[in-house]
Amino acid sequence: MDFFQECWIGRSKVNKYKLMIETARASREHIKDELSKKGLKVRDNAIKDLKKTLKIKEGKYDSATMTYCKLRCQVEATAHRMKLVLITFCKHPSFFGYT
């Protein structure tokens, strides 16, 4: 799997957990009158667990994104250097058969 796919998967997982947290909060507010204190505590603990998981996923996503960006910068810098080398080499008279 290349880094672009890894970044895309990481971003989708982060978005999924954000939506899960929003849904859990909305449903908690909607049914808080129907739940007992124990039920609310269980729901709050589930939301906390989702937040922890979200932080872990965001950390992995950030590190994957940074790695991908570093590699892209290195590739672009290398391509630029190669271009400069070719331009310099092509200007040299020996390239055209002159000595």
N, C-alpha and C. Protein backbone atom coordinates (compact mmCIF):
# COMPACT_ATOMS: atom_id res chain seq x y z
N MET A 1 0.85 -1.17 0.00
CA MET A 1 0.00 0.00 0.00
C MET A 1 0.90 1.24 0.00
N ASP A 2 0.63 2.17 -0.89
CA ASP A 2 1.46 3.37 -0.91
C ASP A 2 0.96 4.39 0.12
N PHE A 3 1.73 5.45 0.26
CA PHE A 3 1.43 6.41 1.31
C PHE A 3 0.15 7.19 1.04
N PHE A 4 -0.17 7.40 -0.24
CA PHE A 4 -1.40 8.11 -0.55
C PHE A 4 -2.61 7.32 -0.05
N GLN A 5 -2.60 6.01 -0.29
CA GLN A 5 -3.70 5.17 0.18
C GLN A 5 -3.75 5.16 1.70
N GLU A 6 -2.57 5.08 2.33
CA GLU A 6 -2.52 5.08 3.79
C GLU A 6 -3.10 6.36 4.37
N CYS A 7 -2.76 7.48 3.75
CA CYS A 7 -3.31 8.76 4.20
C CYS A 7 -4.82 8.81 4.01
N TRP A 8 -5.29 8.33 2.86
CA TRP A 8 -6.72 8.33 2.59
C TRP A 8 -7.47 7.47 3.59
N ILE A 9 -6.92 6.27 3.88
CA ILE A 9 -7.56 5.38 4.85
C ILE A 9 -7.56 6.01 6.24
N GLY A 10 -6.44 6.61 6.61
CA GLY A 10 -6.36 7.27 7.92
C GLY A 10 -7.37 8.39 8.05
N ARG A 11 -7.49 9.21 6.99
CA ARG A 11 -8.45 10.32 7.03
C ARG A 11 -9.88 9.79 7.14
N SER A 12 -10.19 8.71 6.44
CA SER A 12 -11.55 8.16 6.50
C SER A 12 -11.84 7.59 7.89
N LYS A 13 -10.84 6.98 8.53
CA LYS A 13 -11.05 6.45 9.88
C LYS A 13 -11.27 7.59 10.87
N VAL A 14 -10.50 8.66 10.74
CA VAL A 14 -10.68 9.81 11.63
C VAL A 14 -12.07 10.39 11.45
N ASN A 15 -12.50 10.56 10.21
CA ASN A 15 -13.84 11.10 9.95
C ASN A 15 -14.92 10.18 10.50
N LYS A 16 -14.71 8.86 10.38
CA LYS A 16 -15.69 7.90 10.89
C LYS A 16 -15.85 8.04 12.40
N TYR A 17 -14.73 8.14 13.13
CA TYR A 17 -14.82 8.26 14.58
C TYR A 17 -15.40 9.60 15.01
N LYS A 18 -15.13 10.66 14.25
CA LYS A 18 -15.75 11.95 14.57
C LYS A 18 -17.26 11.87 14.44
N LEU A 19 -17.72 11.22 13.38
CA LEU A 19 -19.17 11.05 13.19
C LEU A 19 -19.78 10.18 14.27
N MET A 20 -19.05 9.14 14.69
CA MET A 20 -19.56 8.27 15.75
C MET A 20 -19.72 9.05 17.06
N ILE A 21 -18.75 9.91 17.36
CA ILE A 21 -18.82 10.71 18.59
C ILE A 21 -20.00 11.68 18.52
N GLU A 22 -20.16 12.34 17.37
CA GLU A 22 -21.28 13.27 17.20
C GLU A 22 -22.62 12.55 17.36
N THR A 23 -22.72 11.37 16.77
CA THR A 23 -23.96 10.59 16.86
C THR A 23 -24.23 10.15 18.29
N ALA A 24 -23.17 9.71 18.98
CA ALA A 24 -23.34 9.27 20.37
C ALA A 24 -23.78 10.42 21.26
N ARG A 25 -23.19 11.60 21.05
CA ARG A 25 -23.59 12.77 21.85
C ARG A 25 -25.04 13.16 21.57
N ALA A 26 -25.40 13.18 20.29
CA ALA A 26 -26.77 13.56 19.93
C ALA A 26 -27.78 12.56 20.48
N SER A 27 -27.46 11.27 20.38
CA SER A 27 -28.41 10.28 20.88
C SER A 27 -28.49 10.32 22.39
N ARG A 28 -27.38 10.64 23.06
CA ARG A 28 -27.38 10.76 24.53
C ARG A 28 -28.32 11.88 24.95
N GLU A 29 -28.21 13.01 24.29
CA GLU A 29 -29.07 14.15 24.62
C GLU A 29 -30.54 13.83 24.33
N HIS A 30 -30.75 13.07 23.30
CA HIS A 30 -32.12 12.76 22.89
C HIS A 30 -32.81 11.79 23.86
N ILE A 31 -32.05 10.83 24.40
CA ILE A 31 -32.68 9.81 25.24
C ILE A 31 -32.26 9.88 26.71
N LYS A 32 -31.68 11.01 27.12
CA LYS A 32 -31.20 11.09 28.50
C LYS A 32 -32.32 11.00 29.52
N ASP A 33 -33.52 11.41 29.17
CA ASP A 33 -34.65 11.31 30.09
C ASP A 33 -35.09 9.85 30.30
N GLU A 34 -34.87 9.03 29.30
CA GLU A 34 -35.31 7.63 29.35
C GLU A 34 -34.28 6.71 30.03
N LEU A 35 -33.03 7.15 30.10
CA LEU A 35 -31.97 6.30 30.68
C LEU A 35 -31.80 6.57 32.17
N SER A 36 -31.36 5.54 32.87
CA SER A 36 -31.04 5.70 34.28
C SER A 36 -29.66 6.35 34.39
N LYS A 37 -29.24 6.68 35.62
CA LYS A 37 -27.92 7.26 35.81
C LYS A 37 -26.82 6.29 35.36
N LYS A 38 -27.06 5.01 35.62
CA LYS A 38 -26.08 4.00 35.20
C LYS A 38 -26.00 3.93 33.68
N GLY A 39 -27.13 4.02 33.02
CA GLY A 39 -27.15 4.01 31.56
C GLY A 39 -26.44 5.22 30.97
N LEU A 40 -26.65 6.39 31.61
CA LEU A 40 -25.95 7.60 31.15
C LEU A 40 -24.45 7.48 31.36
N LYS A 41 -24.06 6.88 32.50
CA LYS A 41 -22.63 6.71 32.77
C LYS A 41 -22.00 5.77 31.75
N VAL A 42 -22.70 4.70 31.41
CA VAL A 42 -22.21 3.77 30.39
C VAL A 42 -22.05 4.50 29.05
N ARG A 43 -23.03 5.31 28.70
CA ARG A 43 -22.99 6.07 27.45
C ARG A 43 -21.82 7.06 27.46
N ASP A 44 -21.61 7.73 28.61
CA ASP A 44 -20.49 8.68 28.73
C ASP A 44 -19.14 7.96 28.61
N ASN A 45 -19.04 6.78 29.22
CA ASN A 45 -17.80 6.01 29.11
C ASN A 45 -17.54 5.58 27.67
N ALA A 46 -18.59 5.23 26.97
CA ALA A 46 -18.44 4.85 25.56
C ALA A 46 -17.95 6.04 24.73
N ILE A 47 -18.48 7.23 25.03
CA ILE A 47 -18.04 8.44 24.33
C ILE A 47 -16.57 8.72 24.64
N LYS A 48 -16.17 8.54 25.92
CA LYS A 48 -14.76 8.73 26.28
C LYS A 48 -13.86 7.76 25.53
N ASP A 49 -14.28 6.51 25.42
CA ASP A 49 -13.50 5.52 24.69
C ASP A 49 -13.37 5.90 23.21
N LEU A 50 -14.45 6.39 22.65
CA LEU A 50 -14.40 6.84 21.26
C LEU A 50 -13.43 8.01 21.09
N LYS A 51 -13.43 8.92 22.07
CA LYS A 51 -12.50 10.05 22.00
C LYS A 51 -11.05 9.59 22.08
N LYS A 52 -10.78 8.61 22.95
CA LYS A 52 -9.42 8.07 23.03
C LYS A 52 -9.00 7.43 21.72
N THR A 53 -9.90 6.64 21.15
CA THR A 53 -9.61 5.99 19.88
C THR A 53 -9.39 7.03 18.79
N LEU A 54 -10.19 8.10 18.82
CA LEU A 54 -10.04 9.17 17.84
C LEU A 54 -8.67 9.82 17.94
N LYS A 55 -8.21 10.07 19.17
CA LYS A 55 -6.88 10.67 19.34
C LYS A 55 -5.79 9.76 18.78
N ILE A 56 -5.93 8.46 19.01
CA ILE A 56 -4.94 7.51 18.48
C ILE A 56 -4.96 7.53 16.96
N LYS A 57 -6.15 7.49 16.38
CA LYS A 57 -6.27 7.50 14.92
C LYS A 57 -5.74 8.80 14.33
N GLU A 58 -6.03 9.93 15.00
CA GLU A 58 -5.51 11.21 14.51
C GLU A 58 -3.99 11.23 14.55
N GLY A 59 -3.41 10.66 15.61
CA GLY A 59 -1.96 10.60 15.71
C GLY A 59 -1.36 9.78 14.59
N LYS A 60 -1.96 8.63 14.31
CA LYS A 60 -1.47 7.79 13.22
C LYS A 60 -1.65 8.49 11.87
N TYR A 61 -2.78 9.16 11.71
CA TYR A 61 -3.04 9.87 10.46
C TYR A 61 -2.04 10.99 10.27
N ASP A 62 -1.77 11.75 11.35
CA ASP A 62 -0.81 12.85 11.25
C ASP A 62 0.58 12.34 10.91
N SER A 63 0.99 11.24 11.54
CA SER A 63 2.33 10.73 11.24
C SER A 63 2.41 10.20 9.81
N ALA A 64 1.35 9.55 9.34
CA ALA A 64 1.34 9.06 7.95
C ALA A 64 1.35 10.23 6.98
N THR A 65 0.60 11.27 7.28
CA THR A 65 0.56 12.44 6.42
C THR A 65 1.92 13.12 6.37
N MET A 66 2.55 13.26 7.53
CA MET A 66 3.86 13.90 7.57
C MET A 66 4.88 13.08 6.78
N THR A 67 4.84 11.76 6.93
CA THR A 67 5.76 10.91 6.19
C THR A 67 5.54 11.06 4.69
N TYR A 68 4.28 11.07 4.28
CA TYR A 68 3.95 11.22 2.87
C TYR A 68 4.44 12.57 2.35
N CYS A 69 4.21 13.63 3.11
CA CYS A 69 4.63 14.97 2.68
C CYS A 69 6.15 15.06 2.59
N LYS A 70 6.85 14.46 3.55
CA LYS A 70 8.32 14.47 3.50
C LYS A 70 8.81 13.74 2.26
N LEU A 71 8.22 12.59 1.97
CA LEU A 71 8.63 11.84 0.80
C LEU A 71 8.33 12.61 -0.49
N ARG A 72 7.18 13.25 -0.56
CA ARG A 72 6.84 14.04 -1.75
C ARG A 72 7.84 15.18 -1.94
N CYS A 73 8.23 15.83 -0.85
CA CYS A 73 9.21 16.91 -0.94
C CYS A 73 10.56 16.38 -1.41
N GLN A 74 10.96 15.22 -0.91
CA GLN A 74 12.22 14.62 -1.32
C GLN A 74 12.18 14.24 -2.80
N VAL A 75 11.06 13.70 -3.25
CA VAL A 75 10.93 13.33 -4.66
C VAL A 75 11.01 14.57 -5.54
N GLU A 76 10.31 15.62 -5.14
CA GLU A 76 10.33 16.85 -5.94
C GLU A 76 11.72 17.48 -5.94
N ALA A 77 12.40 17.46 -4.79
CA ALA A 77 13.75 18.02 -4.73
C ALA A 77 14.71 17.20 -5.60
N THR A 78 14.59 15.89 -5.57
CA THR A 78 15.45 15.03 -6.38
C THR A 78 15.17 15.26 -7.87
N ALA A 79 13.93 15.38 -8.24
CA ALA A 79 13.58 15.63 -9.64
C ALA A 79 14.16 16.98 -10.09
N HIS A 80 14.08 17.97 -9.23
CA HIS A 80 14.63 19.28 -9.55
C HIS A 80 16.15 19.20 -9.74
N ARG A 81 16.82 18.47 -8.84
CA ARG A 81 18.28 18.32 -8.96
C ARG A 81 18.65 17.59 -10.25
N MET A 82 17.89 16.56 -10.58
CA MET A 82 18.16 15.81 -11.82
C MET A 82 17.97 16.71 -13.04
N LYS A 83 16.98 17.54 -12.98
CA LYS A 83 16.73 18.48 -14.08
C LYS A 83 17.91 19.43 -14.24
N LEU A 84 18.41 19.94 -13.12
CA LEU A 84 19.57 20.84 -13.16
C LEU A 84 20.81 20.12 -13.70
N VAL A 85 21.00 18.87 -13.28
CA VAL A 85 22.15 18.10 -13.77
C VAL A 85 22.04 17.90 -15.27
N LEU A 86 20.87 17.53 -15.75
CA LEU A 86 20.68 17.31 -17.18
C LEU A 86 20.89 18.59 -17.98
N ILE A 87 20.39 19.70 -17.46
CA ILE A 87 20.58 20.99 -18.15
C ILE A 87 22.06 21.33 -18.22
N THR A 88 22.75 21.14 -17.10
CA THR A 88 24.18 21.43 -17.06
C THR A 88 24.95 20.51 -17.98
N PHE A 89 24.60 19.22 -17.96
CA PHE A 89 25.29 18.24 -18.78
C PHE A 89 25.05 18.51 -20.27
N CYS A 90 23.82 18.85 -20.62
CA CYS A 90 23.49 19.09 -22.02
C CYS A 90 24.17 20.33 -22.56
N LYS A 91 24.53 21.28 -21.73
CA LYS A 91 25.22 22.48 -22.17
C LYS A 91 26.71 22.22 -22.41
N HIS A 92 27.20 21.13 -21.86
CA HIS A 92 28.62 20.83 -21.99
C HIS A 92 28.90 20.42 -23.45
N PRO A 93 30.00 20.92 -24.04
CA PRO A 93 30.29 20.63 -25.47
C PRO A 93 30.48 19.13 -25.76
N SER A 94 30.94 18.35 -24.81
CA SER A 94 31.17 16.93 -25.08
C SER A 94 29.85 16.19 -25.31
N PHE A 95 28.75 16.77 -24.87
CA PHE A 95 27.45 16.15 -25.08
C PHE A 95 27.10 16.07 -26.57
N PHE A 96 27.55 17.07 -27.31
CA PHE A 96 27.25 17.13 -28.74
C PHE A 96 28.36 16.54 -29.61
N GLY A 97 29.36 15.92 -28.97
CA GLY A 97 30.44 15.27 -29.72
C GLY A 97 31.65 16.15 -29.93
N TYR A 98 31.61 17.38 -29.38
CA TYR A 98 32.76 18.26 -29.49
C TYR A 98 33.67 18.03 -28.30
N THR A 99 34.95 18.13 -28.50
CA THR A 99 35.89 17.99 -27.38
C THR A 99 36.62 19.26 -27.09
